Every structure is written in structure tokens, then in C-alpha cells.
Amino acid sequence: MKIRLIPLMLLPVAALSAGCGPNCQNTCNKIYQPSECNIQRVGRTQEQLIDTCLGECEGALNNPGDLGSYDPENQRGAADEFPLETDHQAAAWMDCVDATACENLQKNFCPPIW
């Protein structure tokens, strides 16, 4: 009986920890959804921006590598100047976006913002 209770007691902990931290979906939503930061770009719909964001983020997560010279907290500029290329870069970018206020994301903090 005790052996069965231990795994059942750990199940809620595992379920709660699986959803912790930023991921591509909630990061891209924070940047572009009207209910969040609502960043817009001329000539592109919110759906296009989110699709681009998800594609870039998920593509980088599928490519193991280090940060290299990428530092989302110190670089500012256009998205094409700071492509996400590796899983470590994507993780650092998601953490930066998660910790940054919308008004600063509007000013191209945490590049790339497409």
C-alpha cells in the first residue's frame, strides 16, 4: 500500500513542474497577442508575427549549441541582426522576454522581436 501511495503523491508535483518557465508559445504570445504586449509591425498581421516567432524559436530549440556572442540583454536592433540559432540562445531569449516589461520589448529589448 505504501509503495503505491508514493508514486501517486509525486504525480501532482511532476504535473506542476512540467509547465514551469517560458516556452516558445507563451513567449511569442506575450510579445504579439493584443491581450499582452501587442507589438505590431507594418505590413504583417499578428498571426504572421506569431507564426514567424514560433518558427524561429522552435527551429533554434531543435539546434543544440551554445550562446556564442548572443546576449539578449545587451543587444538592441532589428530581428535580422540577431537570429536565434541554437537552443541555448532560444532559452536565453525566452527568459529575457519573460522578465521584460512590454514597454521595453517595444524598444527592441530582448532581440529578436520580428
PDB file of N, CA and C in Angstrom:
ATOM      1  N   MET A   1       0.819  -1.195   0.000  1.00  0.00           N
ATOM      2  CA  MET A   1       0.000   0.000   0.000  1.00  0.00           C
ATOM      3  C   MET A   1       0.864   1.261   0.000  1.00  0.00           C
ATOM      4  N   LYS A   2       1.892   1.307   0.826  1.00  0.00           N
ATOM      5  CA  LYS A   2       2.747   2.475   0.885  1.00  0.00           C
ATOM      6  C   LYS A   2       3.492   2.699  -0.422  1.00  0.00           C
ATOM      7  N   ILE A   3       3.869   1.639  -1.094  1.00  0.00           N
ATOM      8  CA  ILE A   3       4.580   1.756  -2.363  1.00  0.00           C
ATOM      9  C   ILE A   3       3.696   2.437  -3.403  1.00  0.00           C
ATOM     10  N   ARG A   4       2.434   2.141  -3.390  1.00  0.00           N
ATOM     11  CA  ARG A   4       1.509   2.751  -4.341  1.00  0.00           C
ATOM     12  C   ARG A   4       1.245   4.216  -4.023  1.00  0.00           C
ATOM     13  N   LEU A   5       1.271   4.608  -2.778  1.00  0.00           N
ATOM     14  CA  LEU A   5       0.999   5.985  -2.394  1.00  0.00           C
ATOM     15  C   LEU A   5       2.126   6.927  -2.795  1.00  0.00           C
ATOM     16  N   ILE A   6       3.336   6.484  -2.752  1.00  0.00           N
ATOM     17  CA  ILE A   6       4.461   7.360  -3.083  1.00  0.00           C
ATOM     18  C   ILE A   6       4.379   7.855  -4.524  1.00  0.00           C
ATOM     19  N   PRO A   7       4.223   6.973  -5.531  1.00  0.00           N
ATOM     20  CA  PRO A   7       4.104   7.495  -6.897  1.00  0.00           C
ATOM     21  C   PRO A   7       2.879   8.390  -7.087  1.00  0.00           C
ATOM     22  N   LEU A   8       1.779   8.077  -6.419  1.00  0.00           N
ATOM     23  CA  LEU A   8       0.593   8.908  -6.559  1.00  0.00           C
ATOM     24  C   LEU A   8       0.799  10.273  -5.929  1.00  0.00           C
ATOM     25  N   MET A   9       1.590  10.337  -4.865  1.00  0.00           N
ATOM     26  CA  MET A   9       1.861  11.623  -4.222  1.00  0.00           C
ATOM     27  C   MET A   9       2.790  12.469  -5.091  1.00  0.00           C
ATOM     28  N   LEU A  10       3.663  11.850  -5.861  1.00  0.00           N
ATOM     29  CA  LEU A  10       4.598  12.581  -6.709  1.00  0.00           C
ATOM     30  C   LEU A  10       3.960  13.062  -8.004  1.00  0.00           C
ATOM     31  N   LEU A  11       2.884  12.456  -8.412  1.00  0.00           N
ATOM     32  CA  LEU A  11       2.231  12.827  -9.664  1.00  0.00           C
ATOM     33  C   LEU A  11       1.845  14.296  -9.736  1.00  0.00           C
ATOM     34  N   PRO A  12       1.192  14.879  -8.708  1.00  0.00           N
ATOM     35  CA  PRO A  12       0.862  16.315  -8.803  1.00  0.00           C
ATOM     36  C   PRO A  12       2.105  17.205  -8.891  1.00  0.00           C
ATOM     37  N   VAL A  13       3.182  16.837  -8.223  1.00  0.00           N
ATOM     38  CA  VAL A  13       4.413  17.626  -8.288  1.00  0.00           C
ATOM     39  C   VAL A  13       4.974  17.605  -9.700  1.00  0.00           C
ATOM     40  N   ALA A  14       5.010  16.426 -10.319  1.00  0.00           N
ATOM     41  CA  ALA A  14       5.517  16.307 -11.684  1.00  0.00           C
ATOM     42  C   ALA A  14       4.637  17.082 -12.662  1.00  0.00           C
ATOM     43  N   ALA A  15       3.339  17.039 -12.462  1.00  0.00           N
ATOM     44  CA  ALA A  15       2.427  17.758 -13.355  1.00  0.00           C
ATOM     45  C   ALA A  15       2.622  19.262 -13.246  1.00  0.00           C
ATOM     46  N   LEU A  16       2.845  19.757 -12.042  1.00  0.00           N
ATOM     47  CA  LEU A  16       3.038  21.189 -11.862  1.00  0.00           C
ATOM     48  C   LEU A  16       4.374  21.658 -12.417  1.00  0.00           C
ATOM     49  N   SER A  17       5.422  20.853 -12.259  1.00  0.00           N
ATOM     50  CA  SER A  17       6.737  21.288 -12.716  1.00  0.00           C
ATOM     51  C   SER A  17       6.876  21.230 -14.228  1.00  0.00           C
ATOM     52  N   ALA A  18       6.073  20.441 -14.925  1.00  0.00           N
ATOM     53  CA  ALA A  18       6.182  20.314 -16.372  1.00  0.00           C
ATOM     54  C   ALA A  18       5.828  21.604 -17.097  1.00  0.00           C
ATOM     55  N   GLY A  19       4.969  22.450 -16.538  1.00  0.00           N
ATOM     56  CA  GLY A  19       4.537  23.655 -17.207  1.00  0.00           C
ATOM     57  C   GLY A  19       5.272  24.906 -16.776  1.00  0.00           C
ATOM     58  N   CYS A  20       6.303  24.765 -15.976  1.00  0.00           N
ATOM     59  CA  CYS A  20       7.011  25.928 -15.442  1.00  0.00           C
ATOM     60  C   CYS A  20       7.946  26.539 -16.473  1.00  0.00           C
ATOM     61  N   GLY A  21       8.138  27.832 -16.344  1.00  0.00           N
ATOM     62  CA  GLY A  21       9.098  28.518 -17.199  1.00  0.00           C
ATOM     63  C   GLY A  21       8.538  28.879 -18.554  1.00  0.00           C
ATOM     64  N   PRO A  22       9.237  29.765 -19.236  1.00  0.00           N
ATOM     65  CA  PRO A  22       8.776  30.191 -20.550  1.00  0.00           C
ATOM     66  C   PRO A  22       8.966  29.108 -21.610  1.00  0.00           C
ATOM     67  N   ASN A  23       8.132  29.153 -22.632  1.00  0.00           N
ATOM     68  CA  ASN A  23       8.291  28.293 -23.801  1.00  0.00           C
ATOM     69  C   ASN A  23       8.018  29.159 -25.027  1.00  0.00           C
ATOM     70  N   CYS A  24       8.214  28.599 -26.199  1.00  0.00           N
ATOM     71  CA  CYS A  24       8.043  29.387 -27.429  1.00  0.00           C
ATOM     72  C   CYS A  24       6.639  29.974 -27.526  1.00  0.00           C
ATOM     73  N   GLN A  25       5.633  29.169 -27.234  1.00  0.00           N
ATOM     74  CA  GLN A  25       4.247  29.615 -27.377  1.00  0.00           C
ATOM     75  C   GLN A  25       3.932  30.792 -26.463  1.00  0.00           C
ATOM     76  N   ASN A  26       4.229  30.670 -25.162  1.00  0.00           N
ATOM     77  CA  ASN A  26       3.853  31.776 -24.276  1.00  0.00           C
ATOM     78  C   ASN A  26       4.761  32.984 -24.465  1.00  0.00           C
ATOM     79  N   THR A  27       5.987  32.774 -24.933  1.00  0.00           N
ATOM     80  CA  THR A  27       6.878  33.901 -25.215  1.00  0.00           C
ATOM     81  C   THR A  27       6.370  34.695 -26.418  1.00  0.00           C
ATOM     82  N   CYS A  28       6.040  34.001 -27.492  1.00  0.00           N
ATOM     83  CA  CYS A  28       5.539  34.677 -28.694  1.00  0.00           C
ATOM     84  C   CYS A  28       4.191  35.338 -28.427  1.00  0.00           C
ATOM     85  N   ASN A  29       3.353  34.681 -27.637  1.00  0.00           N
ATOM     86  CA  ASN A  29       2.072  35.290 -27.277  1.00  0.00           C
ATOM     87  C   ASN A  29       2.278  36.558 -26.465  1.00  0.00           C
ATOM     88  N   LYS A  30       3.220  36.544 -25.521  1.00  0.00           N
ATOM     89  CA  LYS A  30       3.474  37.747 -24.730  1.00  0.00           C
ATOM     90  C   LYS A  30       3.845  38.919 -25.638  1.00  0.00           C
ATOM     91  N   ILE A  31       4.661  38.661 -26.618  1.00  0.00           N
ATOM     92  CA  ILE A  31       5.128  39.734 -27.499  1.00  0.00           C
ATOM     93  C   ILE A  31       4.009  40.266 -28.391  1.00  0.00           C
ATOM     94  N   TYR A  32       3.224  39.380 -29.006  1.00  0.00           N
ATOM     95  CA  TYR A  32       2.339  39.792 -30.099  1.00  0.00           C
ATOM     96  C   TYR A  32       0.837  39.771 -29.824  1.00  0.00           C
ATOM     97  N   GLN A  33       0.374  39.057 -28.826  1.00  0.00           N
ATOM     98  CA  GLN A  33      -1.069  38.991 -28.603  1.00  0.00           C
ATOM     99  C   GLN A  33      -1.617  40.348 -28.153  1.00  0.00           C
ATOM    100  N   PRO A  34      -2.782  40.752 -28.691  1.00  0.00           N
ATOM    101  CA  PRO A  34      -3.393  42.024 -28.288  1.00  0.00           C
ATOM    102  C   PRO A  34      -3.660  42.108 -26.785  1.00  0.00           C
ATOM    103  N   SER A  35      -3.898  40.987 -26.140  1.00  0.00           N
ATOM    104  CA  SER A  35      -4.172  40.993 -24.699  1.00  0.00           C
ATOM    105  C   SER A  35      -2.889  41.100 -23.866  1.00  0.00           C
ATOM    106  N   GLU A  36      -1.746  41.069 -24.531  1.00  0.00           N
ATOM    107  CA  GLU A  36      -0.468  41.184 -23.815  1.00  0.00           C
ATOM    108  C   GLU A  36       0.284  42.408 -24.335  1.00  0.00           C
ATOM    109  N   CYS A  37       1.496  42.249 -24.881  1.00  0.00           N
ATOM    110  CA  CYS A  37       2.285  43.422 -25.307  1.00  0.00           C
ATOM    111  C   CYS A  37       1.802  44.030 -26.626  1.00  0.00           C
ATOM    112  N   ASN A  38       1.175  43.221 -27.474  1.00  0.00           N
ATOM    113  CA  ASN A  38       0.572  43.717 -28.715  1.00  0.00           C
ATOM    114  C   ASN A  38       1.566  44.462 -29.618  1.00  0.00           C
ATOM    115  N   ILE A  39       2.769  43.943 -29.742  1.00  0.00           N
ATOM    116  CA  ILE A  39       3.744  44.556 -30.653  1.00  0.00           C
ATOM    117  C   ILE A  39       3.287  44.302 -32.080  1.00  0.00           C
ATOM    118  N   GLN A  40       3.335  45.342 -32.883  1.00  0.00           N
ATOM    119  CA  GLN A  40       2.889  45.254 -34.270  1.00  0.00           C
ATOM    120  C   GLN A  40       4.017  45.669 -35.204  1.00  0.00           C
ATOM    121  N   ARG A  41       3.978  45.154 -36.417  1.00  0.00           N
ATOM    122  CA  ARG A  41       4.923  45.532 -37.456  1.00  0.00           C
ATOM    123  C   ARG A  41       4.133  45.858 -38.714  1.00  0.00           C
ATOM    124  N   VAL A  42       4.514  46.922 -39.369  1.00  0.00           N
ATOM    125  CA  VAL A  42       3.816  47.370 -40.575  1.00  0.00           C
ATOM    126  C   VAL A  42       3.850  46.265 -41.634  1.00  0.00           C
ATOM    127  N   GLY A  43       2.697  45.993 -42.217  1.00  0.00           N
ATOM    128  CA  GLY A  43       2.593  45.032 -43.296  1.00  0.00           C
ATOM    129  C   GLY A  43       2.513  43.580 -42.857  1.00  0.00           C
ATOM    130  N   ARG A  44       2.430  43.337 -41.558  1.00  0.00           N
ATOM    131  CA  ARG A  44       2.358  41.961 -41.069  1.00  0.00           C
ATOM    132  C   ARG A  44       1.228  41.843 -40.053  1.00  0.00           C
ATOM    133  N   THR A  45       0.457  40.776 -40.175  1.00  0.00           N
ATOM    134  CA  THR A  45      -0.630  40.540 -39.233  1.00  0.00           C
ATOM    135  C   THR A  45      -0.081  39.926 -37.942  1.00  0.00           C
ATOM    136  N   GLN A  46      -0.887  39.965 -36.895  1.00  0.00           N
ATOM    137  CA  GLN A  46      -0.488  39.330 -35.633  1.00  0.00           C
ATOM    138  C   GLN A  46      -0.210  37.845 -35.855  1.00  0.00           C
ATOM    139  N   GLU A  47      -1.036  37.196 -36.681  1.00  0.00           N
ATOM    140  CA  GLU A  47      -0.848  35.775 -36.957  1.00  0.00           C
ATOM    141  C   GLU A  47       0.491  35.522 -37.645  1.00  0.00           C
ATOM    142  N   GLN A  48       0.852  36.374 -38.610  1.00  0.00           N
ATOM    143  CA  GLN A  48       2.137  36.223 -39.290  1.00  0.00           C
ATOM    144  C   GLN A  48       3.300  36.423 -38.314  1.00  0.00           C
ATOM    145  N   LEU A  49       3.176  37.408 -37.456  1.00  0.00           N
ATOM    146  CA  LEU A  49       4.229  37.666 -36.480  1.00  0.00           C
ATOM    147  C   LEU A  49       4.391  36.494 -35.521  1.00  0.00           C
ATOM    148  N   ILE A  50       3.288  35.961 -35.031  1.00  0.00           N
ATOM    149  CA  ILE A  50       3.343  34.822 -34.117  1.00  0.00           C
ATOM    150  C   ILE A  50       3.906  33.597 -34.826  1.00  0.00           C
ATOM    151  N   ASP A  51       3.472  33.351 -36.069  1.00  0.00           N
ATOM    152  CA  ASP A  51       3.991  32.203 -36.829  1.00  0.00           C
ATOM    153  C   ASP A  51       5.499  32.313 -37.044  1.00  0.00           C
ATOM    154  N   THR A  52       5.973  33.504 -37.394  1.00  0.00           N
ATOM    155  CA  THR A  52       7.411  33.716 -37.579  1.00  0.00           C
ATOM    156  C   THR A  52       8.143  33.488 -36.271  1.00  0.00           C
ATOM    157  N   CYS A  53       7.624  34.057 -35.209  1.00  0.00           N
ATOM    158  CA  CYS A  53       8.220  33.919 -33.886  1.00  0.00           C
ATOM    159  C   CYS A  53       8.318  32.449 -33.482  1.00  0.00           C
ATOM    160  N   LEU A  54       7.221  31.718 -33.604  1.00  0.00           N
ATOM    161  CA  LEU A  54       7.213  30.306 -33.240  1.00  0.00           C
ATOM    162  C   LEU A  54       8.188  29.505 -34.090  1.00  0.00           C
ATOM    163  N   GLY A  55       8.202  29.771 -35.382  1.00  0.00           N
ATOM    164  CA  GLY A  55       9.109  29.049 -36.277  1.00  0.00           C
ATOM    165  C   GLY A  55      10.565  29.276 -35.931  1.00  0.00           C
ATOM    166  N   GLU A  56      10.920  30.526 -35.663  1.00  0.00           N
ATOM    167  CA  GLU A  56      12.307  30.858 -35.310  1.00  0.00           C
ATOM    168  C   GLU A  56      12.688  30.239 -33.968  1.00  0.00           C
ATOM    169  N   CYS A  57      11.818  30.369 -32.982  1.00  0.00           N
ATOM    170  CA  CYS A  57      12.091  29.854 -31.643  1.00  0.00           C
ATOM    171  C   CYS A  57      12.206  28.331 -31.655  1.00  0.00           C
ATOM    172  N   GLU A  58      11.229  27.667 -32.239  1.00  0.00           N
ATOM    173  CA  GLU A  58      11.240  26.207 -32.264  1.00  0.00           C
ATOM    174  C   GLU A  58      12.388  25.664 -33.111  1.00  0.00           C
ATOM    175  N   GLY A  59      12.712  26.366 -34.197  1.00  0.00           N
ATOM    176  CA  GLY A  59      13.854  25.961 -35.010  1.00  0.00           C
ATOM    177  C   GLY A  59      15.151  26.027 -34.228  1.00  0.00           C
ATOM    178  N   ALA A  60      15.327  27.084 -33.452  1.00  0.00           N
ATOM    179  CA  ALA A  60      16.534  27.227 -32.631  1.00  0.00           C
ATOM    180  C   ALA A  60      16.582  26.154 -31.544  1.00  0.00           C
ATOM    181  N   LEU A  61      15.437  25.841 -30.949  1.00  0.00           N
ATOM    182  CA  LEU A  61      15.414  24.804 -29.903  1.00  0.00           C
ATOM    183  C   LEU A  61      15.824  23.438 -30.438  1.00  0.00           C
ATOM    184  N   ASN A  62      15.613  23.209 -31.710  1.00  0.00           N
ATOM    185  CA  ASN A  62      15.983  21.936 -32.327  1.00  0.00           C
ATOM    186  C   ASN A  62      17.446  21.879 -32.759  1.00  0.00           C
ATOM    187  N   ASN A  63      18.201  22.935 -32.471  1.00  0.00           N
ATOM    188  CA  ASN A  63      19.596  23.009 -32.889  1.00  0.00           C
ATOM    189  C   ASN A  63      20.491  23.194 -31.655  1.00  0.00           C
ATOM    190  N   PRO A  64      21.044  22.106 -31.129  1.00  0.00           N
ATOM    191  CA  PRO A  64      21.897  22.224 -29.944  1.00  0.00           C
ATOM    192  C   PRO A  64      23.115  23.114 -30.210  1.00  0.00           C
ATOM    193  N   GLY A  65      23.447  23.894 -29.235  1.00  0.00           N
ATOM    194  CA  GLY A  65      24.613  24.766 -29.359  1.00  0.00           C
ATOM    195  C   GLY A  65      24.706  25.700 -28.180  1.00  0.00           C
ATOM    196  N   ASP A  66      25.776  26.477 -28.151  1.00  0.00           N
ATOM    197  CA  ASP A  66      25.965  27.390 -27.030  1.00  0.00           C
ATOM    198  C   ASP A  66      25.462  28.789 -27.369  1.00  0.00           C
ATOM    199  N   LEU A  67      25.654  29.698 -26.436  1.00  0.00           N
ATOM    200  CA  LEU A  67      25.207  31.083 -26.629  1.00  0.00           C
ATOM    201  C   LEU A  67      26.056  31.834 -27.641  1.00  0.00           C
ATOM    202  N   GLY A  68      27.316  31.468 -27.759  1.00  0.00           N
ATOM    203  CA  GLY A  68      28.205  32.237 -28.614  1.00  0.00           C
ATOM    204  C   GLY A  68      28.267  33.667 -28.117  1.00  0.00           C
ATOM    205  N   SER A  69      28.185  34.617 -29.004  1.00  0.00           N
ATOM    206  CA  SER A  69      28.225  36.031 -28.611  1.00  0.00           C
ATOM    207  C   SER A  69      26.827  36.603 -28.364  1.00  0.00           C
ATOM    208  N   TYR A  70      25.802  35.776 -28.485  1.00  0.00           N
ATOM    209  CA  TYR A  70      24.423  36.235 -28.299  1.00  0.00           C
ATOM    210  C   TYR A  70      24.154  36.582 -26.840  1.00  0.00           C
ATOM    211  N   ASP A  71      23.646  37.777 -26.608  1.00  0.00           N
ATOM    212  CA  ASP A  71      23.245  38.219 -25.270  1.00  0.00           C
ATOM    213  C   ASP A  71      22.014  39.097 -25.423  1.00  0.00           C
ATOM    214  N   PRO A  72      20.812  38.554 -25.200  1.00  0.00           N
ATOM    215  CA  PRO A  72      19.588  39.323 -25.436  1.00  0.00           C
ATOM    216  C   PRO A  72      19.435  40.541 -24.533  1.00  0.00           C
ATOM    217  N   GLU A  73      20.154  40.581 -23.439  1.00  0.00           N
ATOM    218  CA  GLU A  73      20.011  41.707 -22.526  1.00  0.00           C
ATOM    219  C   GLU A  73      20.902  42.884 -22.888  1.00  0.00           C
ATOM    220  N   ASN A  74      21.866  42.708 -23.756  1.00  0.00           N
ATOM    221  CA  ASN A  74      22.776  43.792 -24.108  1.00  0.00           C
ATOM    222  C   ASN A  74      22.663  44.248 -25.555  1.00  0.00           C
ATOM    223  N   GLN A  75      21.970  43.493 -26.383  1.00  0.00           N
ATOM    224  CA  GLN A  75      21.892  43.838 -27.795  1.00  0.00           C
ATOM    225  C   GLN A  75      20.559  44.490 -28.113  1.00  0.00           C
ATOM    226  N   ARG A  76      20.605  45.448 -28.999  1.00  0.00           N
ATOM    227  CA  ARG A  76      19.390  46.108 -29.470  1.00  0.00           C
ATOM    228  C   ARG A  76      19.491  46.209 -30.984  1.00  0.00           C
ATOM    229  N   GLY A  77      18.392  46.022 -31.658  1.00  0.00           N
ATOM    230  CA  GLY A  77      18.420  46.151 -33.103  1.00  0.00           C
ATOM    231  C   GLY A  77      17.330  45.333 -33.754  1.00  0.00           C
ATOM    232  N   ALA A  78      17.409  45.215 -35.043  1.00  0.00           N
ATOM    233  CA  ALA A  78      16.400  44.522 -35.832  1.00  0.00           C
ATOM    234  C   ALA A  78      16.554  43.010 -35.685  1.00  0.00           C
ATOM    235  N   ALA A  79      15.472  42.292 -35.947  1.00  0.00           N
ATOM    236  CA  ALA A  79      15.455  40.836 -35.799  1.00  0.00           C
ATOM    237  C   ALA A  79      16.499  40.163 -36.677  1.00  0.00           C
ATOM    238  N   ASP A  80      16.715  40.684 -37.887  1.00  0.00           N
ATOM    239  CA  ASP A  80      17.668  40.031 -38.779  1.00  0.00           C
ATOM    240  C   ASP A  80      19.117  40.204 -38.315  1.00  0.00           C
ATOM    241  N   GLU A  81      19.356  41.106 -37.391  1.00  0.00           N
ATOM    242  CA  GLU A  81      20.701  41.285 -36.847  1.00  0.00           C
ATOM    243  C   GLU A  81      21.007  40.269 -35.760  1.00  0.00           C
ATOM    244  N   PHE A  82      19.991  39.663 -35.164  1.00  0.00           N
ATOM    245  CA  PHE A  82      20.170  38.771 -34.033  1.00  0.00           C
ATOM    246  C   PHE A  82      19.323  37.514 -34.191  1.00  0.00           C
ATOM    247  N   PRO A  83      19.613  36.689 -35.178  1.00  0.00           N
ATOM    248  CA  PRO A  83      18.803  35.476 -35.339  1.00  0.00           C
ATOM    249  C   PRO A  83      19.043  34.499 -34.201  1.00  0.00           C
ATOM    250  N   LEU A  84      18.003  33.784 -33.814  1.00  0.00           N
ATOM    251  CA  LEU A  84      18.147  32.709 -32.841  1.00  0.00           C
ATOM    252  C   LEU A  84      18.612  31.479 -33.606  1.00  0.00           C
ATOM    253  N   GLU A  85      19.761  30.949 -33.224  1.00  0.00           N
ATOM    254  CA  GLU A  85      20.317  29.825 -33.968  1.00  0.00           C
ATOM    255  C   GLU A  85      20.447  28.553 -33.157  1.00  0.00           C
ATOM    256  N   THR A  86      20.517  28.645 -31.819  1.00  0.00           N
ATOM    257  CA  THR A  86      20.729  27.453 -31.008  1.00  0.00           C
ATOM    258  C   THR A  86      19.718  27.383 -29.866  1.00  0.00           C
ATOM    259  N   ASP A  87      19.665  26.200 -29.252  1.00  0.00           N
ATOM    260  CA  ASP A  87      18.751  26.007 -28.128  1.00  0.00           C
ATOM    261  C   ASP A  87      19.114  26.900 -26.940  1.00  0.00           C
ATOM    262  N   HIS A  88      20.395  27.126 -26.696  1.00  0.00           N
ATOM    263  CA  HIS A  88      20.797  27.997 -25.586  1.00  0.00           C
ATOM    264  C   HIS A  88      20.428  29.457 -25.862  1.00  0.00           C
ATOM    265  N   GLN A  89      20.546  29.885 -27.100  1.00  0.00           N
ATOM    266  CA  GLN A  89      20.138  31.242 -27.456  1.00  0.00           C
ATOM    267  C   GLN A  89      18.632  31.400 -27.282  1.00  0.00           C
ATOM    268  N   ALA A  90      17.865  30.416 -27.739  1.00  0.00           N
ATOM    269  CA  ALA A  90      16.405  30.484 -27.606  1.00  0.00           C
ATOM    270  C   ALA A  90      15.999  30.523 -26.138  1.00  0.00           C
ATOM    271  N   ALA A  91      16.647  29.728 -25.308  1.00  0.00           N
ATOM    272  CA  ALA A  91      16.322  29.723 -23.883  1.00  0.00           C
ATOM    273  C   ALA A  91      16.638  31.069 -23.238  1.00  0.00           C
ATOM    274  N   ALA A  92      17.784  31.647 -23.573  1.00  0.00           N
ATOM    275  CA  ALA A  92      18.150  32.960 -23.021  1.00  0.00           C
ATOM    276  C   ALA A  92      17.175  34.029 -23.492  1.00  0.00           C
ATOM    277  N   TRP A  93      16.774  33.955 -24.752  1.00  0.00           N
ATOM    278  CA  TRP A  93      15.811  34.915 -25.319  1.00  0.00           C
ATOM    279  C   TRP A  93      14.461  34.800 -24.614  1.00  0.00           C
ATOM    280  N   MET A  94      13.970  33.570 -24.427  1.00  0.00           N
ATOM    281  CA  MET A  94      12.680  33.380 -23.756  1.00  0.00           C
ATOM    282  C   MET A  94      12.725  33.894 -22.316  1.00  0.00           C
ATOM    283  N   ASP A  95      13.820  33.638 -21.619  1.00  0.00           N
ATOM    284  CA  ASP A  95      13.965  34.151 -20.254  1.00  0.00           C
ATOM    285  C   ASP A  95      13.961  35.676 -20.237  1.00  0.00           C
ATOM    286  N   CYS A  96      14.641  36.285 -21.195  1.00  0.00           N
ATOM    287  CA  CYS A  96      14.693  37.743 -21.283  1.00  0.00           C
ATOM    288  C   CYS A  96      13.297  38.318 -21.520  1.00  0.00           C
ATOM    289  N   VAL A  97      12.573  37.771 -22.493  1.00  0.00           N
ATOM    290  CA  VAL A  97      11.220  38.253 -22.792  1.00  0.00           C
ATOM    291  C   VAL A  97      10.319  38.085 -21.571  1.00  0.00           C
ATOM    292  N   ASP A  98      10.434  36.955 -20.905  1.00  0.00           N
ATOM    293  CA  ASP A  98       9.611  36.684 -19.731  1.00  0.00           C
ATOM    294  C   ASP A  98       9.833  37.718 -18.632  1.00  0.00           C
ATOM    295  N   ALA A  99      11.072  38.182 -18.495  1.00  0.00           N
ATOM    296  CA  ALA A  99      11.424  39.103 -17.411  1.00  0.00           C
ATOM    297  C   ALA A  99      11.329  40.580 -17.797  1.00  0.00           C
ATOM    298  N   THR A 100      10.955  40.883 -19.039  1.00  0.00           N
ATOM    299  CA  THR A 100      10.995  42.258 -19.545  1.00  0.00           C
ATOM    300  C   THR A 100       9.589  42.817 -19.722  1.00  0.00           C
ATOM    301  N   ALA A 101       9.410  44.060 -19.314  1.00  0.00           N
ATOM    302  CA  ALA A 101       8.125  44.745 -19.456  1.00  0.00           C
ATOM    303  C   ALA A 101       7.831  45.039 -20.923  1.00  0.00           C
ATOM    304  N   CYS A 102       6.552  45.096 -21.246  1.00  0.00           N
ATOM    305  CA  CYS A 102       6.121  45.341 -22.625  1.00  0.00           C
ATOM    306  C   CYS A 102       6.716  46.614 -23.211  1.00  0.00           C
ATOM    307  N   GLU A 103       6.755  47.690 -22.423  1.00  0.00           N
ATOM    308  CA  GLU A 103       7.283  48.941 -22.968  1.00  0.00           C
ATOM    309  C   GLU A 103       8.742  48.804 -23.390  1.00  0.00           C
ATOM    310  N   ASN A 104       9.494  47.943 -22.732  1.00  0.00           N
ATOM    311  CA  ASN A 104      10.879  47.719 -23.138  1.00  0.00           C
ATOM    312  C   ASN A 104      10.983  46.782 -24.333  1.00  0.00           C
ATOM    313  N   LEU A 105      10.070  45.817 -24.434  1.00  0.00           N
ATOM    314  CA  LEU A 105      10.045  44.967 -25.631  1.00  0.00           C
ATOM    315  C   LEU A 105       9.727  45.813 -26.865  1.00  0.00           C
ATOM    316  N   GLN A 106       8.885  46.827 -26.699  1.00  0.00           N
ATOM    317  CA  GLN A 106       8.574  47.748 -27.802  1.00  0.00           C
ATOM    318  C   GLN A 106       9.821  48.484 -28.277  1.00  0.00           C
ATOM    319  N   LYS A 107      10.799  48.651 -27.393  1.00  0.00           N
ATOM    320  CA  LYS A 107      12.037  49.365 -27.723  1.00  0.00           C
ATOM    321  C   LYS A 107      13.137  48.407 -28.176  1.00  0.00           C
ATOM    322  N   ASN A 108      12.753  47.199 -28.582  1.00  0.00           N
ATOM    323  CA  ASN A 108      13.678  46.164 -29.072  1.00  0.00           C
ATOM    324  C   ASN A 108      14.617  45.617 -28.026  1.00  0.00           C
ATOM    325  N   PHE A 109      14.202  45.640 -26.745  1.00  0.00           N
ATOM    326  CA  PHE A 109      14.931  44.868 -25.763  1.00  0.00           C
ATOM    327  C   PHE A 109      14.687  43.399 -26.095  1.00  0.00           C
ATOM    328  N   CYS A 110      15.576  42.539 -25.732  1.00  0.00           N
ATOM    329  CA  CYS A 110      15.462  41.093 -25.957  1.00  0.00           C
ATOM    330  C   CYS A 110      15.341  40.743 -27.439  1.00  0.00           C
ATOM    331  N   PRO A 111      16.232  41.224 -28.277  1.00  0.00           N
ATOM    332  CA  PRO A 111      16.108  40.869 -29.684  1.00  0.00           C
ATOM    333  C   PRO A 111      16.367  39.381 -29.889  1.00  0.00           C
ATOM    334  N   PRO A 112      15.760  38.799 -30.878  1.00  0.00           N
ATOM    335  CA  PRO A 112      14.984  39.450 -31.926  1.00  0.00           C
ATOM    336  C   PRO A 112      13.501  39.586 -31.584  1.00  0.00           C
ATOM    337  N   ILE A 113      12.929  40.681 -31.979  1.00  0.00           N
ATOM    338  CA  ILE A 113      11.485  40.902 -31.980  1.00  0.00           C
ATOM    339  C   ILE A 113      11.152  41.147 -33.453  1.00  0.00           C
ATOM    340  N   TRP A 114      10.444  40.191 -34.062  1.00  0.00           N
ATOM    341  CA  TRP A 114      10.231  40.249 -35.505  1.00  0.00           C
ATOM    342  C   TRP A 114       9.218  41.263 -35.902  1.00  0.00           C
TER     343      TRP A 114
END
